[in-house]
N, C-alpha and C. Protein backbone atom coordinates (compact mmCIF):
# COMPACT_ATOMS: atom_id res chain seq x y z
N MET A 1 2.87 -22.82 -9.74
CA MET A 1 2.26 -22.58 -8.45
C MET A 1 1.93 -23.94 -7.83
N SER A 2 2.16 -24.07 -6.54
CA SER A 2 1.92 -25.34 -5.86
C SER A 2 0.42 -25.59 -5.67
N ALA A 3 0.09 -26.86 -5.44
CA ALA A 3 -1.31 -27.23 -5.22
C ALA A 3 -1.86 -26.52 -3.98
N THR A 4 -1.03 -26.37 -2.96
CA THR A 4 -1.47 -25.69 -1.74
C THR A 4 -1.79 -24.22 -2.02
N SER A 5 -0.93 -23.55 -2.77
CA SER A 5 -1.19 -22.15 -3.12
C SER A 5 -2.47 -22.01 -3.92
N ILE A 6 -2.68 -22.91 -4.85
CA ILE A 6 -3.90 -22.88 -5.66
C ILE A 6 -5.13 -23.06 -4.77
N GLN A 7 -5.05 -24.00 -3.83
CA GLN A 7 -6.17 -24.24 -2.91
C GLN A 7 -6.42 -23.01 -2.05
N HIS A 8 -5.36 -22.44 -1.47
CA HIS A 8 -5.52 -21.26 -0.61
C HIS A 8 -6.13 -20.09 -1.37
N LYS A 9 -5.66 -19.87 -2.60
CA LYS A 9 -6.21 -18.77 -3.39
C LYS A 9 -7.69 -19.00 -3.72
N SER A 10 -8.06 -20.27 -3.92
CA SER A 10 -9.47 -20.56 -4.22
C SER A 10 -10.36 -20.32 -3.00
N GLU A 11 -9.79 -20.42 -1.80
CA GLU A 11 -10.54 -20.22 -0.56
C GLU A 11 -10.49 -18.76 -0.08
N ALA A 12 -9.72 -17.93 -0.75
CA ALA A 12 -9.54 -16.53 -0.33
C ALA A 12 -10.79 -15.71 -0.65
N PRO A 13 -10.96 -14.59 0.05
CA PRO A 13 -12.11 -13.72 -0.22
C PRO A 13 -12.13 -13.26 -1.68
N LYS A 14 -13.31 -13.14 -2.22
CA LYS A 14 -13.45 -12.70 -3.62
C LYS A 14 -13.69 -11.19 -3.71
N LYS A 15 -14.25 -10.63 -2.65
CA LYS A 15 -14.53 -9.19 -2.62
C LYS A 15 -13.57 -8.53 -1.63
N LEU A 16 -12.82 -7.57 -2.10
CA LEU A 16 -11.88 -6.86 -1.24
C LEU A 16 -12.16 -5.36 -1.28
N ASN A 17 -12.01 -4.73 -0.13
CA ASN A 17 -12.17 -3.29 -0.01
C ASN A 17 -10.84 -2.68 0.40
N PHE A 18 -10.42 -1.69 -0.35
CA PHE A 18 -9.11 -1.07 -0.15
C PHE A 18 -9.23 0.35 0.39
N ALA A 19 -8.24 0.73 1.17
CA ALA A 19 -8.00 2.13 1.53
C ALA A 19 -6.76 2.56 0.77
N VAL A 20 -6.78 3.76 0.22
CA VAL A 20 -5.62 4.33 -0.47
C VAL A 20 -5.27 5.63 0.24
N ILE A 21 -4.07 5.66 0.81
CA ILE A 21 -3.61 6.83 1.56
C ILE A 21 -2.31 7.32 0.93
N THR A 22 -2.34 8.51 0.39
CA THR A 22 -1.16 9.10 -0.23
C THR A 22 -0.47 10.00 0.79
N CYS A 23 0.82 9.79 0.97
CA CYS A 23 1.62 10.60 1.90
C CYS A 23 2.45 11.59 1.09
N SER A 24 2.02 12.85 1.11
CA SER A 24 2.70 13.89 0.34
C SER A 24 2.31 15.25 0.90
N THR A 25 3.26 15.93 1.51
CA THR A 25 2.97 17.25 2.06
C THR A 25 2.56 18.23 0.97
N SER A 26 3.22 18.19 -0.18
CA SER A 26 2.88 19.14 -1.25
C SER A 26 1.48 18.90 -1.79
N ARG A 27 1.09 17.66 -1.98
CA ARG A 27 -0.26 17.36 -2.48
C ARG A 27 -1.30 17.67 -1.40
N TYR A 28 -0.96 17.44 -0.14
CA TYR A 28 -1.86 17.75 0.97
C TYR A 28 -2.12 19.26 1.03
N ARG A 29 -1.05 20.05 0.90
CA ARG A 29 -1.21 21.52 0.94
C ARG A 29 -2.06 22.01 -0.22
N LEU A 30 -1.85 21.45 -1.39
CA LEU A 30 -2.64 21.82 -2.56
C LEU A 30 -4.12 21.50 -2.33
N LEU A 31 -4.39 20.34 -1.76
CA LEU A 31 -5.77 19.95 -1.45
C LEU A 31 -6.39 20.92 -0.45
N GLN A 32 -5.62 21.30 0.57
CA GLN A 32 -6.12 22.24 1.58
C GLN A 32 -6.37 23.62 0.97
N LYS A 33 -5.51 24.04 0.05
CA LYS A 33 -5.61 25.38 -0.55
C LYS A 33 -6.74 25.47 -1.56
N ASP A 34 -6.78 24.52 -2.49
CA ASP A 34 -7.72 24.60 -3.62
C ASP A 34 -8.91 23.65 -3.49
N GLY A 35 -8.84 22.71 -2.56
CA GLY A 35 -9.90 21.72 -2.45
C GLY A 35 -9.92 20.72 -3.59
N LYS A 36 -8.84 20.71 -4.38
CA LYS A 36 -8.76 19.80 -5.52
C LYS A 36 -7.87 18.61 -5.20
N LEU A 37 -8.35 17.45 -5.55
CA LEU A 37 -7.57 16.22 -5.36
C LEU A 37 -6.67 16.04 -6.57
N ASP A 38 -5.40 16.40 -6.43
CA ASP A 38 -4.41 16.24 -7.50
C ASP A 38 -3.43 15.17 -7.05
N ASP A 39 -3.72 13.93 -7.41
CA ASP A 39 -2.95 12.79 -6.92
C ASP A 39 -2.85 11.72 -8.01
N PRO A 40 -2.00 11.95 -9.02
CA PRO A 40 -1.93 11.00 -10.14
C PRO A 40 -1.58 9.58 -9.72
N SER A 41 -0.66 9.42 -8.77
CA SER A 41 -0.31 8.05 -8.35
C SER A 41 -1.46 7.40 -7.59
N GLY A 42 -2.11 8.16 -6.71
CA GLY A 42 -3.28 7.63 -6.02
C GLY A 42 -4.39 7.28 -6.99
N ASP A 43 -4.58 8.13 -8.00
CA ASP A 43 -5.59 7.85 -9.03
C ASP A 43 -5.27 6.55 -9.77
N LYS A 44 -3.99 6.33 -10.04
CA LYS A 44 -3.57 5.11 -10.75
C LYS A 44 -3.83 3.87 -9.88
N ILE A 45 -3.59 4.00 -8.58
CA ILE A 45 -3.86 2.89 -7.66
C ILE A 45 -5.35 2.56 -7.69
N VAL A 46 -6.19 3.58 -7.55
CA VAL A 46 -7.64 3.38 -7.57
C VAL A 46 -8.08 2.71 -8.87
N GLU A 47 -7.56 3.18 -9.98
CA GLU A 47 -7.91 2.62 -11.29
C GLU A 47 -7.55 1.13 -11.37
N LYS A 48 -6.35 0.78 -10.91
CA LYS A 48 -5.91 -0.62 -10.99
C LYS A 48 -6.73 -1.51 -10.06
N ILE A 49 -7.08 -1.00 -8.88
CA ILE A 49 -7.91 -1.77 -7.95
C ILE A 49 -9.28 -2.03 -8.56
N LYS A 50 -9.88 -1.00 -9.12
CA LYS A 50 -11.21 -1.15 -9.73
C LYS A 50 -11.15 -2.06 -10.95
N ASP A 51 -10.09 -1.94 -11.75
CA ASP A 51 -9.94 -2.82 -12.92
C ASP A 51 -9.83 -4.29 -12.52
N ALA A 52 -9.32 -4.53 -11.31
CA ALA A 52 -9.20 -5.90 -10.80
C ALA A 52 -10.52 -6.41 -10.21
N GLY A 53 -11.54 -5.54 -10.16
CA GLY A 53 -12.85 -5.95 -9.66
C GLY A 53 -13.05 -5.71 -8.17
N TYR A 54 -12.16 -4.94 -7.56
CA TYR A 54 -12.26 -4.64 -6.13
C TYR A 54 -12.76 -3.21 -5.92
N ASN A 55 -12.96 -2.84 -4.65
CA ASN A 55 -13.50 -1.53 -4.30
C ASN A 55 -12.49 -0.69 -3.53
N VAL A 56 -12.59 0.62 -3.69
CA VAL A 56 -11.85 1.56 -2.85
C VAL A 56 -12.90 2.25 -1.98
N THR A 57 -12.81 2.03 -0.68
CA THR A 57 -13.83 2.53 0.25
C THR A 57 -13.32 3.64 1.16
N PHE A 58 -12.03 3.95 1.05
CA PHE A 58 -11.42 4.94 1.94
C PHE A 58 -10.25 5.55 1.16
N ARG A 59 -10.23 6.88 1.06
CA ARG A 59 -9.12 7.54 0.34
C ARG A 59 -8.79 8.85 1.03
N ARG A 60 -7.49 9.05 1.27
CA ARG A 60 -7.03 10.27 1.92
C ARG A 60 -5.68 10.69 1.34
N ILE A 61 -5.39 11.98 1.47
CA ILE A 61 -4.05 12.51 1.26
C ILE A 61 -3.62 13.12 2.58
N VAL A 62 -2.43 12.75 3.05
CA VAL A 62 -1.94 13.23 4.33
C VAL A 62 -0.55 13.83 4.14
N PRO A 63 -0.17 14.75 5.04
CA PRO A 63 1.19 15.29 4.98
C PRO A 63 2.20 14.26 5.49
N ASP A 64 3.46 14.50 5.21
CA ASP A 64 4.54 13.62 5.67
C ASP A 64 4.81 13.88 7.15
N GLU A 65 3.87 13.49 7.99
CA GLU A 65 3.98 13.67 9.44
C GLU A 65 3.55 12.36 10.11
N LYS A 66 4.44 11.80 10.92
CA LYS A 66 4.19 10.48 11.51
C LYS A 66 2.85 10.39 12.23
N ASP A 67 2.55 11.37 13.08
CA ASP A 67 1.32 11.27 13.87
C ASP A 67 0.07 11.33 13.00
N VAL A 68 0.09 12.15 11.95
CA VAL A 68 -1.06 12.25 11.04
C VAL A 68 -1.20 10.95 10.25
N ILE A 69 -0.10 10.40 9.80
CA ILE A 69 -0.13 9.13 9.07
C ILE A 69 -0.71 8.04 9.97
N GLN A 70 -0.21 7.92 11.19
CA GLN A 70 -0.69 6.88 12.11
C GLN A 70 -2.17 7.07 12.44
N HIS A 71 -2.58 8.30 12.68
CA HIS A 71 -3.99 8.58 12.99
C HIS A 71 -4.90 8.17 11.82
N THR A 72 -4.49 8.48 10.61
CA THR A 72 -5.29 8.15 9.43
C THR A 72 -5.34 6.64 9.21
N VAL A 73 -4.22 5.97 9.40
CA VAL A 73 -4.19 4.51 9.27
C VAL A 73 -5.08 3.87 10.34
N MET A 74 -5.07 4.39 11.55
CA MET A 74 -5.94 3.85 12.60
C MET A 74 -7.41 3.98 12.21
N LYS A 75 -7.79 5.09 11.59
CA LYS A 75 -9.17 5.25 11.11
C LYS A 75 -9.50 4.16 10.09
N ALA A 76 -8.58 3.91 9.17
CA ALA A 76 -8.81 2.88 8.15
C ALA A 76 -8.88 1.49 8.79
N LEU A 77 -8.02 1.24 9.77
CA LEU A 77 -8.02 -0.06 10.44
C LEU A 77 -9.33 -0.30 11.20
N LYS A 78 -9.92 0.75 11.73
CA LYS A 78 -11.17 0.62 12.49
C LYS A 78 -12.39 0.46 11.59
N SER A 79 -12.25 0.79 10.33
CA SER A 79 -13.38 0.72 9.41
C SER A 79 -13.67 -0.73 9.01
N ARG A 80 -14.93 -1.11 9.13
CA ARG A 80 -15.34 -2.45 8.68
C ARG A 80 -15.34 -2.54 7.16
N LYS A 81 -15.25 -1.39 6.50
CA LYS A 81 -15.29 -1.36 5.04
C LYS A 81 -13.90 -1.37 4.42
N VAL A 82 -12.86 -1.67 5.21
CA VAL A 82 -11.49 -1.72 4.70
C VAL A 82 -10.86 -3.06 5.06
N ASP A 83 -10.30 -3.73 4.05
CA ASP A 83 -9.56 -4.98 4.25
C ASP A 83 -8.06 -4.77 4.07
N ILE A 84 -7.70 -3.93 3.12
CA ILE A 84 -6.30 -3.74 2.73
C ILE A 84 -6.02 -2.25 2.59
N ILE A 85 -4.89 -1.82 3.14
CA ILE A 85 -4.49 -0.42 3.09
C ILE A 85 -3.25 -0.30 2.21
N ILE A 86 -3.31 0.62 1.26
CA ILE A 86 -2.13 0.91 0.44
C ILE A 86 -1.68 2.33 0.76
N MET A 87 -0.46 2.42 1.29
CA MET A 87 0.18 3.70 1.57
C MET A 87 1.06 4.03 0.38
N CYS A 88 0.88 5.20 -0.19
CA CYS A 88 1.63 5.59 -1.39
C CYS A 88 2.50 6.80 -1.07
N GLY A 89 3.81 6.65 -1.17
CA GLY A 89 4.72 7.76 -0.95
C GLY A 89 5.37 7.73 0.42
N GLY A 90 6.45 8.48 0.54
CA GLY A 90 7.15 8.60 1.82
C GLY A 90 8.00 7.40 2.19
N THR A 91 8.38 6.60 1.19
CA THR A 91 9.15 5.38 1.48
C THR A 91 10.63 5.51 1.13
N GLY A 92 11.06 6.70 0.74
CA GLY A 92 12.45 6.90 0.36
C GLY A 92 13.34 7.13 1.58
N ILE A 93 14.50 7.73 1.33
CA ILE A 93 15.47 7.89 2.41
C ILE A 93 15.70 9.35 2.81
N SER A 94 14.94 10.27 2.25
CA SER A 94 15.13 11.67 2.65
C SER A 94 14.53 11.87 4.05
N PRO A 95 14.97 12.89 4.77
CA PRO A 95 14.45 13.11 6.13
C PRO A 95 12.92 13.25 6.19
N LYS A 96 12.30 13.78 5.13
CA LYS A 96 10.84 13.96 5.15
C LYS A 96 10.08 12.66 4.90
N ASP A 97 10.75 11.61 4.42
CA ASP A 97 10.09 10.33 4.16
C ASP A 97 9.92 9.56 5.47
N VAL A 98 8.71 9.59 6.02
CA VAL A 98 8.48 8.99 7.34
C VAL A 98 7.37 7.93 7.34
N THR A 99 6.91 7.53 6.17
CA THR A 99 5.84 6.53 6.13
C THR A 99 6.26 5.24 6.82
N ILE A 100 7.44 4.75 6.54
CA ILE A 100 7.90 3.50 7.13
C ILE A 100 8.02 3.64 8.65
N GLU A 101 8.58 4.77 9.11
CA GLU A 101 8.72 4.99 10.55
C GLU A 101 7.35 5.06 11.24
N ALA A 102 6.35 5.55 10.53
CA ALA A 102 4.99 5.62 11.10
C ALA A 102 4.32 4.25 11.12
N ILE A 103 4.48 3.47 10.07
CA ILE A 103 3.74 2.22 9.91
C ILE A 103 4.39 1.03 10.60
N LYS A 104 5.69 0.90 10.49
CA LYS A 104 6.38 -0.30 10.99
C LYS A 104 6.04 -0.63 12.44
N PRO A 105 6.02 0.34 13.36
CA PRO A 105 5.68 0.00 14.75
C PRO A 105 4.23 -0.46 14.94
N MET A 106 3.38 -0.18 13.97
CA MET A 106 1.97 -0.55 14.08
C MET A 106 1.71 -1.99 13.64
N LEU A 107 2.64 -2.58 12.91
CA LEU A 107 2.41 -3.90 12.32
C LEU A 107 2.48 -5.02 13.34
N ASP A 108 1.60 -6.00 13.19
CA ASP A 108 1.67 -7.22 13.99
C ASP A 108 2.75 -8.14 13.43
N LYS A 109 2.80 -8.25 12.11
CA LYS A 109 3.81 -9.06 11.42
C LYS A 109 4.22 -8.34 10.15
N GLU A 110 5.49 -8.45 9.80
CA GLU A 110 5.97 -7.92 8.53
C GLU A 110 5.96 -9.03 7.49
N ILE A 111 5.68 -8.65 6.26
CA ILE A 111 5.76 -9.57 5.12
C ILE A 111 7.04 -9.21 4.38
N ASP A 112 8.16 -9.75 4.86
CA ASP A 112 9.48 -9.37 4.36
C ASP A 112 9.62 -9.57 2.86
N GLY A 113 9.02 -10.63 2.34
CA GLY A 113 9.15 -10.94 0.92
C GLY A 113 8.65 -9.84 0.02
N PHE A 114 7.67 -9.06 0.47
CA PHE A 114 7.15 -7.99 -0.38
C PHE A 114 8.24 -6.99 -0.74
N GLY A 115 8.90 -6.44 0.26
CA GLY A 115 9.95 -5.46 0.00
C GLY A 115 11.11 -6.06 -0.76
N GLU A 116 11.46 -7.29 -0.41
CA GLU A 116 12.58 -7.95 -1.09
C GLU A 116 12.29 -8.14 -2.57
N ILE A 117 11.12 -8.67 -2.88
CA ILE A 117 10.76 -8.92 -4.28
C ILE A 117 10.54 -7.61 -5.03
N PHE A 118 9.93 -6.63 -4.36
CA PHE A 118 9.73 -5.33 -4.99
C PHE A 118 11.08 -4.74 -5.42
N ARG A 119 12.06 -4.76 -4.51
CA ARG A 119 13.38 -4.21 -4.85
C ARG A 119 14.07 -5.04 -5.93
N PHE A 120 13.88 -6.36 -5.91
CA PHE A 120 14.48 -7.22 -6.93
C PHE A 120 13.93 -6.88 -8.32
N ILE A 121 12.61 -6.79 -8.41
CA ILE A 121 11.99 -6.45 -9.71
C ILE A 121 12.38 -5.03 -10.12
N SER A 122 12.40 -4.11 -9.16
CA SER A 122 12.80 -2.73 -9.46
C SER A 122 14.24 -2.69 -9.97
N TYR A 123 15.11 -3.47 -9.36
CA TYR A 123 16.51 -3.52 -9.80
C TYR A 123 16.60 -3.97 -11.26
N GLN A 124 15.78 -4.93 -11.62
CA GLN A 124 15.79 -5.41 -13.00
C GLN A 124 15.35 -4.31 -13.97
N GLU A 125 14.50 -3.40 -13.50
CA GLU A 125 13.97 -2.35 -14.36
C GLU A 125 14.77 -1.05 -14.32
N ILE A 126 15.24 -0.66 -13.11
CA ILE A 126 15.90 0.65 -12.99
C ILE A 126 17.34 0.58 -12.50
N GLY A 127 17.82 -0.60 -12.20
CA GLY A 127 19.19 -0.74 -11.74
C GLY A 127 19.37 -0.43 -10.26
N SER A 128 20.56 0.04 -9.93
CA SER A 128 20.94 0.20 -8.53
C SER A 128 20.13 1.23 -7.76
N SER A 129 19.39 2.09 -8.43
CA SER A 129 18.51 3.04 -7.73
C SER A 129 17.45 2.33 -6.89
N ALA A 130 17.21 1.06 -7.16
CA ALA A 130 16.25 0.28 -6.37
C ALA A 130 16.65 0.23 -4.90
N LEU A 131 17.92 0.44 -4.61
CA LEU A 131 18.39 0.45 -3.22
C LEU A 131 17.70 1.51 -2.38
N LEU A 132 17.22 2.56 -3.01
CA LEU A 132 16.63 3.68 -2.28
C LEU A 132 15.22 3.42 -1.79
N SER A 133 14.61 2.32 -2.22
CA SER A 133 13.24 2.01 -1.82
C SER A 133 13.21 1.25 -0.51
N ARG A 134 12.29 1.66 0.35
CA ARG A 134 12.05 0.93 1.60
C ARG A 134 10.63 0.36 1.60
N ALA A 135 10.17 -0.10 0.44
CA ALA A 135 8.82 -0.67 0.34
C ALA A 135 8.63 -1.71 1.45
N LEU A 136 7.42 -1.75 2.00
CA LEU A 136 7.15 -2.56 3.18
C LEU A 136 5.72 -3.09 3.11
N ALA A 137 5.50 -4.26 3.67
CA ALA A 137 4.13 -4.77 3.83
C ALA A 137 4.06 -5.52 5.15
N GLY A 138 2.85 -5.60 5.68
CA GLY A 138 2.65 -6.34 6.91
C GLY A 138 1.18 -6.46 7.24
N THR A 139 0.93 -7.11 8.37
CA THR A 139 -0.44 -7.28 8.84
C THR A 139 -0.65 -6.46 10.10
N CYS A 140 -1.88 -6.02 10.29
CA CYS A 140 -2.22 -5.22 11.46
C CYS A 140 -3.71 -5.37 11.74
N LYS A 141 -4.05 -5.90 12.89
CA LYS A 141 -5.44 -6.00 13.32
C LYS A 141 -6.33 -6.71 12.29
N GLY A 142 -5.82 -7.79 11.70
CA GLY A 142 -6.60 -8.57 10.74
C GLY A 142 -6.70 -7.95 9.36
N LYS A 143 -5.87 -6.95 9.10
CA LYS A 143 -5.86 -6.30 7.79
C LYS A 143 -4.44 -6.32 7.24
N VAL A 144 -4.30 -5.97 5.98
CA VAL A 144 -2.99 -5.97 5.34
C VAL A 144 -2.63 -4.54 4.96
N VAL A 145 -1.38 -4.16 5.20
CA VAL A 145 -0.90 -2.82 4.89
C VAL A 145 0.29 -2.93 3.95
N PHE A 146 0.23 -2.20 2.84
CA PHE A 146 1.34 -2.12 1.89
C PHE A 146 1.82 -0.68 1.85
N CYS A 147 3.12 -0.47 1.92
CA CYS A 147 3.72 0.86 1.78
C CYS A 147 4.58 0.84 0.52
N ILE A 148 4.19 1.65 -0.46
CA ILE A 148 4.87 1.63 -1.75
C ILE A 148 5.36 3.03 -2.11
N PRO A 149 6.40 3.11 -2.93
CA PRO A 149 6.86 4.42 -3.39
C PRO A 149 5.77 5.12 -4.21
N GLY A 150 5.89 6.44 -4.31
CA GLY A 150 4.85 7.22 -4.98
C GLY A 150 5.02 7.43 -6.47
N SER A 151 6.09 6.93 -7.06
CA SER A 151 6.26 7.14 -8.50
C SER A 151 5.26 6.29 -9.29
N PRO A 152 4.80 6.79 -10.43
CA PRO A 152 3.85 6.02 -11.24
C PRO A 152 4.38 4.64 -11.63
N GLN A 153 5.68 4.54 -11.90
CA GLN A 153 6.27 3.25 -12.27
C GLN A 153 6.22 2.28 -11.09
N SER A 154 6.50 2.76 -9.89
CA SER A 154 6.45 1.91 -8.70
C SER A 154 5.03 1.46 -8.40
N VAL A 155 4.09 2.37 -8.60
CA VAL A 155 2.68 2.02 -8.40
C VAL A 155 2.28 0.89 -9.33
N ALA A 156 2.59 1.03 -10.60
CA ALA A 156 2.23 0.00 -11.58
C ALA A 156 2.90 -1.33 -11.24
N LEU A 157 4.19 -1.29 -10.97
CA LEU A 157 4.93 -2.52 -10.66
C LEU A 157 4.33 -3.22 -9.44
N SER A 158 4.16 -2.48 -8.34
CA SER A 158 3.71 -3.10 -7.10
C SER A 158 2.28 -3.64 -7.19
N LEU A 159 1.40 -2.89 -7.83
CA LEU A 159 0.00 -3.33 -7.95
C LEU A 159 -0.13 -4.51 -8.90
N GLU A 160 0.46 -4.39 -10.08
CA GLU A 160 0.27 -5.42 -11.12
C GLU A 160 1.01 -6.72 -10.82
N ARG A 161 2.21 -6.61 -10.26
CA ARG A 161 3.05 -7.80 -10.12
C ARG A 161 2.98 -8.44 -8.74
N LEU A 162 2.62 -7.65 -7.71
CA LEU A 162 2.68 -8.19 -6.35
C LEU A 162 1.36 -8.07 -5.58
N ILE A 163 0.86 -6.86 -5.43
CA ILE A 163 -0.28 -6.65 -4.53
C ILE A 163 -1.55 -7.30 -5.04
N LEU A 164 -2.00 -6.95 -6.22
CA LEU A 164 -3.28 -7.48 -6.70
C LEU A 164 -3.27 -9.00 -6.91
N PRO A 165 -2.19 -9.60 -7.41
CA PRO A 165 -2.20 -11.06 -7.54
C PRO A 165 -2.25 -11.80 -6.20
N GLU A 166 -1.78 -11.18 -5.11
CA GLU A 166 -1.69 -11.89 -3.83
C GLU A 166 -2.57 -11.33 -2.72
N ALA A 167 -3.23 -10.21 -2.93
CA ALA A 167 -3.96 -9.53 -1.85
C ALA A 167 -4.96 -10.43 -1.14
N ALA A 168 -5.81 -11.10 -1.88
CA ALA A 168 -6.83 -11.95 -1.26
C ALA A 168 -6.19 -13.12 -0.53
N HIS A 169 -5.16 -13.70 -1.10
CA HIS A 169 -4.44 -14.82 -0.50
C HIS A 169 -3.81 -14.39 0.84
N ILE A 170 -3.16 -13.23 0.85
CA ILE A 170 -2.55 -12.72 2.08
C ILE A 170 -3.63 -12.44 3.12
N LEU A 171 -4.73 -11.82 2.70
CA LEU A 171 -5.81 -11.51 3.64
C LEU A 171 -6.39 -12.78 4.25
N LYS A 172 -6.54 -13.82 3.45
CA LYS A 172 -7.05 -15.10 3.96
C LYS A 172 -6.19 -15.58 5.13
N HIS A 173 -4.87 -15.58 4.94
CA HIS A 173 -3.98 -16.06 6.00
C HIS A 173 -3.97 -15.11 7.20
N THR A 174 -4.12 -13.83 6.95
CA THR A 174 -4.14 -12.85 8.03
C THR A 174 -5.32 -13.08 8.97
N ARG A 175 -6.41 -13.57 8.42
CA ARG A 175 -7.65 -13.72 9.20
C ARG A 175 -7.90 -15.14 9.68
N GLU A 176 -6.93 -16.02 9.53
CA GLU A 176 -7.12 -17.41 9.99
C GLU A 176 -7.09 -17.49 11.50
């Protein structure tokens, strides 16, 4: 790591507050029907964030609908208790996968390297199926938004190898 990166990371915020938004029509319907939060990937995200010493201050499950996704993200963006938003699910290529279509127009800047490196690492682990991921990250209104696939393996990879090691550093630059 370069001296500049080390310096920037040392100047980055130490306390981060996350929003976790799971995009899944089936999980949303189950929540509406039974009132039970059945979201293993979202639970794994929360666990990894807390294990890193950060907080989760906003959590939702939404259906795969662009307007609902955008409305929920806007609520998180307006919250003073949210620094970083993690969108889980809806990043594939099926017609119902609309997370990227909902989020991309909202971003001030895209962090292209996130998706590129995510797919590179995924390729090393799962092979050519990594092509199907449209993982995305960017900045919006002084906050950072990550869109990751909903599989438990993708959650672990993205949080452990990319998001948590760089979240504070990215947020620092976003707010300069």
